[in-house]
Amino acid sequence: MSASHPFSFGLLVGRFQMPHLGHQYMIDTALAVCDRVGVLVGSAQESGTAMNPFSYELRYDMLRELYDDRIAIAPLPDIGVGNTSAWGNYVLLKAQEAFGAKPDLVVSGAEGRRISWFHKEALPSACQLHQNAPGQSFPIKSVPEADTSRYTDCPAAAGNVIPENNSHGIAELYLPKIINISASEMRAFLLHDNYAEWSSFIDPRLHGRYEELRGLVLASDAHKETGSL
């Protein structure tokens, strides 16, 4: 753990079908408060379905295009247990295998609180952080710097490190939804050829992929069955 970041290793889990500005807000915030950031790409085994049209390899390429080597990325196949403690144990195992470390921070958004995956007995020192949403004037196409002075209810608040005797704990950083978009809406924009809306919620570096991504969404739309939970 460095003097400049309150956490040593932050973890994000998501399907990223497809990466949009809301995802980038979460990743950029993690980068602002962690020495290292790992991203596990969920439902990595599935592609070509309406819910998961894009392969893991394509999602990896898009995230790498956005972040180069600033984040570590690895696949996270589904195991069919839902958001239970068994899933939490599996996530920690895969993080250890892929990144060589267990996270001391997990980042959550409005779509699901990640700390609920972990059994209290397994993580007795888990705590929660909160970052308040910026004012209504927040420009939708920018990603703000994280302000660690806004964090509360955790030993790591205001830049302090987790005490040594809590080194096996995991904190959750909950980020409210400040960019009103979802990956399913992004796929709908592609399906209905709404480039204007789609491009307003995606990093310009990915704009050139529009026709490729739209083609995959169109080809996958009839395949409604999914292994994702």
Protein backbone atom coordinates (compact mmCIF):
# COMPACT_ATOMS: atom_id res chain seq x y z
CA MET A 1 0.00 0.00 0.00
CA SER A 2 1.55 3.28 -1.07
CA ALA A 3 1.43 6.67 0.56
CA SER A 4 -0.48 8.05 -2.41
CA HIS A 5 -3.32 5.50 -2.49
CA PRO A 6 -5.38 4.22 0.45
CA PHE A 7 -5.80 0.74 -1.11
CA SER A 8 -3.32 -1.67 -2.63
CA PHE A 9 -5.55 -3.68 -4.97
CA GLY A 10 -9.03 -2.78 -6.21
CA LEU A 11 -11.33 -5.21 -7.97
CA LEU A 12 -14.21 -4.61 -10.38
CA VAL A 13 -16.48 -7.33 -11.75
CA GLY A 14 -18.81 -6.84 -14.68
CA ARG A 15 -19.89 -8.26 -18.03
CA PHE A 16 -19.01 -5.05 -19.96
CA GLN A 17 -21.52 -5.84 -22.73
CA MET A 18 -20.52 -3.11 -23.73
CA PRO A 19 -18.04 -0.76 -21.94
CA HIS A 20 -19.62 2.69 -21.54
CA LEU A 21 -18.93 5.92 -19.67
CA GLY A 22 -20.54 4.58 -16.50
CA HIS A 23 -18.05 1.70 -16.45
CA GLN A 24 -15.21 4.13 -17.05
CA TYR A 25 -16.32 6.28 -14.12
CA MET A 26 -16.05 3.23 -11.86
CA ILE A 27 -12.69 2.10 -13.24
CA ASP A 28 -11.20 5.61 -13.14
CA THR A 29 -12.33 6.04 -9.53
CA ALA A 30 -10.69 2.74 -8.62
CA LEU A 31 -7.46 3.86 -10.31
CA ALA A 32 -7.53 7.06 -8.25
CA VAL A 33 -7.61 5.21 -4.91
CA CYS A 34 -5.74 1.93 -5.58
CA ASP A 35 -2.15 1.05 -6.38
CA ARG A 36 -3.39 -1.69 -8.73
CA VAL A 37 -6.77 -2.35 -10.34
CA GLY A 38 -8.00 -5.69 -11.64
CA VAL A 39 -11.10 -6.19 -13.80
CA LEU A 40 -12.80 -9.58 -14.00
CA VAL A 41 -14.99 -9.83 -17.09
CA GLY A 42 -18.06 -11.88 -16.21
CA SER A 43 -19.93 -14.39 -18.38
CA ALA A 44 -16.63 -14.84 -20.17
CA GLN A 45 -17.73 -18.20 -21.58
CA GLU A 46 -20.71 -16.78 -23.48
CA SER A 47 -21.04 -14.83 -26.71
CA GLY A 48 -23.49 -14.66 -29.58
CA THR A 49 -26.59 -14.30 -27.39
CA ALA A 50 -28.90 -11.32 -26.97
CA MET A 51 -27.65 -10.75 -23.43
CA ASN A 52 -23.99 -11.46 -24.21
CA PRO A 53 -23.36 -10.71 -27.89
CA PHE A 54 -19.66 -9.90 -27.52
CA SER A 55 -16.92 -12.43 -26.85
CA TYR A 56 -14.57 -12.12 -23.90
CA GLU A 57 -11.75 -11.40 -26.35
CA LEU A 58 -13.62 -8.45 -27.86
CA ARG A 59 -14.51 -7.03 -24.45
CA TYR A 60 -10.88 -7.46 -23.40
CA ASP A 61 -9.73 -5.58 -26.52
CA MET A 62 -12.11 -2.68 -25.86
CA LEU A 63 -11.04 -2.34 -22.24
CA ARG A 64 -7.38 -2.59 -23.23
CA GLU A 65 -7.92 0.09 -25.88
CA LEU A 66 -9.31 2.39 -23.19
CA TYR A 67 -6.81 1.64 -20.42
CA ASP A 68 -3.71 0.14 -22.00
CA ASP A 69 -1.69 -1.47 -19.19
CA ARG A 70 -3.15 0.66 -16.36
CA ILE A 71 -5.51 -2.16 -15.40
CA ALA A 72 -5.22 -5.94 -15.33
CA ILE A 73 -8.00 -7.89 -17.07
CA ALA A 74 -9.01 -11.54 -16.78
CA PRO A 75 -12.00 -13.73 -17.68
CA LEU A 76 -14.63 -14.78 -15.12
CA PRO A 77 -16.84 -17.61 -16.47
CA ASP A 78 -20.21 -18.18 -14.81
CA ILE A 79 -20.63 -21.14 -12.44
CA GLY A 80 -24.43 -21.05 -12.05
CA VAL A 81 -24.73 -20.24 -8.34
CA GLY A 82 -26.09 -16.69 -8.45
CA ASN A 83 -24.91 -13.89 -6.15
CA THR A 84 -24.19 -16.12 -3.15
CA SER A 85 -21.21 -16.61 -0.84
CA ALA A 86 -20.15 -19.47 -3.15
CA TRP A 87 -19.92 -16.91 -5.94
CA GLY A 88 -17.96 -14.55 -3.69
CA ASN A 89 -15.47 -17.29 -2.83
CA TYR A 90 -15.12 -18.09 -6.53
CA VAL A 91 -14.51 -14.41 -7.39
CA LEU A 92 -11.75 -14.16 -4.76
CA LEU A 93 -10.18 -17.40 -6.02
CA LYS A 94 -10.20 -16.16 -9.61
CA ALA A 95 -8.77 -12.79 -8.55
CA GLN A 96 -5.96 -14.56 -6.70
CA GLU A 97 -5.25 -16.82 -9.68
CA ALA A 98 -5.37 -14.05 -12.28
CA PHE A 99 -3.79 -11.14 -10.42
CA GLY A 100 -1.73 -12.80 -7.69
CA ALA A 101 -3.51 -10.98 -4.86
CA LYS A 102 -6.77 -10.75 -2.97
CA PRO A 103 -8.41 -7.32 -3.25
CA ASP A 104 -8.68 -4.99 -0.30
CA LEU A 105 -11.32 -2.95 -2.17
CA VAL A 106 -14.26 -3.96 -4.37
CA VAL A 107 -16.09 -1.31 -6.35
CA SER A 108 -19.88 -1.45 -6.62
CA GLY A 109 -22.40 0.51 -8.63
CA ALA A 110 -26.16 0.87 -8.67
CA GLU A 111 -26.64 -2.49 -10.41
CA GLY A 112 -25.44 -4.54 -7.42
CA ARG A 113 -23.65 -4.30 -4.10
CA ARG A 114 -20.58 -6.52 -4.38
CA ILE A 115 -19.97 -6.84 -0.64
CA SER A 116 -23.14 -8.96 -0.38
CA TRP A 117 -21.28 -11.74 -2.20
CA PHE A 118 -18.94 -12.30 0.73
CA HIS A 119 -19.89 -14.20 3.88
CA LYS A 120 -19.40 -12.19 7.07
CA GLU A 121 -17.47 -14.98 8.78
CA ALA A 122 -15.05 -15.07 5.86
CA LEU A 123 -14.58 -11.29 5.87
CA PRO A 124 -15.02 -10.11 9.48
CA SER A 125 -13.48 -6.69 8.80
CA ALA A 126 -15.44 -5.81 5.67
CA CYS A 127 -16.66 -2.24 5.67
CA GLN A 128 -18.31 0.15 3.27
CA LEU A 129 -17.26 3.42 1.71
CA HIS A 130 -19.54 5.86 -0.01
CA GLN A 131 -18.81 8.53 -2.56
CA ASN A 132 -21.52 11.14 -2.84
CA ALA A 133 -22.76 11.96 -6.31
CA PRO A 134 -21.55 15.27 -7.75
CA GLY A 135 -24.03 18.07 -8.34
CA GLN A 136 -26.53 18.09 -11.18
CA SER A 137 -24.12 20.13 -13.28
CA PHE A 138 -21.85 17.08 -13.70
CA PRO A 139 -21.05 16.91 -17.45
CA ILE A 140 -22.05 13.51 -18.78
CA LYS A 141 -19.04 13.03 -21.03
CA SER A 142 -16.36 13.62 -18.40
CA VAL A 143 -15.11 11.39 -15.61
CA PRO A 144 -14.26 13.25 -12.38
CA GLU A 145 -11.22 12.67 -10.21
CA ALA A 146 -12.06 10.64 -7.12
CA ASP A 147 -12.35 12.69 -3.94
CA THR A 148 -11.33 10.43 -1.07
CA SER A 149 -12.38 13.06 1.49
CA ARG A 150 -16.00 12.07 0.73
CA TYR A 151 -15.54 8.52 1.99
CA THR A 152 -17.19 7.58 5.27
CA ASP A 153 -17.77 4.62 7.58
CA CYS A 154 -14.44 2.88 7.04
CA PRO A 155 -10.94 2.88 8.59
CA ALA A 156 -9.63 3.90 5.16
CA ALA A 157 -11.63 7.14 5.17
CA ALA A 158 -9.90 10.36 4.20
CA GLY A 159 -6.81 8.55 2.94
CA ASN A 160 -5.97 6.57 6.09
CA VAL A 161 -4.88 2.97 5.54
CA ILE A 162 -6.68 -0.08 6.89
CA PRO A 163 -5.00 -1.13 10.15
CA GLU A 164 -2.52 -4.00 9.87
CA ASN A 165 -4.72 -6.33 11.94
CA ASN A 166 -7.50 -5.84 9.38
CA SER A 167 -5.29 -6.79 6.44
CA HIS A 168 -7.57 -9.68 5.45
CA GLY A 169 -10.63 -7.45 5.20
CA ILE A 170 -12.27 -6.10 2.08
CA ALA A 171 -13.85 -2.68 1.80
CA GLU A 172 -16.60 -1.84 -0.66
CA LEU A 173 -16.64 1.47 -2.49
CA TYR A 174 -20.23 2.16 -3.56
CA LEU A 175 -20.57 4.65 -6.41
CA PRO A 176 -24.05 6.02 -7.10
CA LYS A 177 -25.24 6.02 -10.69
CA ILE A 178 -24.39 9.47 -12.03
CA ILE A 179 -24.40 8.54 -15.72
CA ASN A 180 -27.89 7.35 -16.59
CA ILE A 181 -27.11 4.50 -18.96
CA SER A 182 -26.89 0.71 -18.90
CA ALA A 183 -25.22 -1.84 -21.16
CA SER A 184 -28.63 -3.19 -22.20
CA GLU A 185 -29.63 0.30 -23.36
CA MET A 186 -26.36 0.58 -25.25
CA ARG A 187 -27.11 -2.69 -27.04
CA ALA A 188 -30.62 -1.40 -27.86
CA PHE A 189 -29.08 1.70 -29.46
CA LEU A 190 -26.98 -0.60 -31.64
CA LEU A 191 -29.94 -2.81 -32.47
CA HIS A 192 -32.04 0.15 -33.63
CA ASP A 193 -29.14 1.91 -35.37
CA ASN A 194 -29.24 4.91 -33.05
CA TYR A 195 -25.67 6.09 -33.46
CA ALA A 196 -26.29 9.52 -31.95
CA GLU A 197 -27.43 8.15 -28.57
CA TRP A 198 -24.90 5.31 -28.59
CA SER A 199 -21.95 7.58 -29.29
CA SER A 200 -22.96 10.04 -26.53
CA PHE A 201 -22.38 7.37 -23.86
CA ILE A 202 -19.21 5.78 -25.16
CA ASP A 203 -15.60 6.88 -25.26
CA PRO A 204 -14.70 8.38 -28.67
CA ARG A 205 -11.84 5.89 -28.96
CA LEU A 206 -14.46 3.17 -29.47
CA HIS A 207 -16.65 5.04 -31.97
CA GLY A 208 -14.91 3.36 -34.89
CA ARG A 209 -16.20 -0.03 -33.72
CA TYR A 210 -19.86 0.92 -34.26
CA GLU A 211 -20.53 -1.15 -37.38
CA GLU A 212 -18.67 -4.17 -35.98
CA LEU A 213 -20.59 -4.07 -32.71
CA ARG A 214 -23.93 -3.40 -34.38
CA GLY A 215 -23.41 -6.40 -36.65
CA LEU A 216 -22.74 -8.66 -33.66
CA VAL A 217 -25.82 -7.39 -31.80
CA LEU A 218 -28.03 -7.95 -34.87
CA ALA A 219 -26.67 -11.46 -35.35
CA SER A 220 -27.19 -12.33 -31.68
CA ASP A 221 -30.60 -10.80 -31.01
CA ALA A 222 -32.64 -13.92 -31.81
CA HIS A 223 -30.67 -16.05 -29.35
CA LYS A 224 -32.47 -15.27 -26.09
CA GLU A 225 -31.22 -18.20 -24.02
CA THR A 226 -28.32 -17.37 -21.73
CA GLY A 227 -26.16 -18.97 -19.09
CA SER A 228 -25.76 -15.67 -17.25
CA LEU A 229 -27.47 -15.30 -13.88
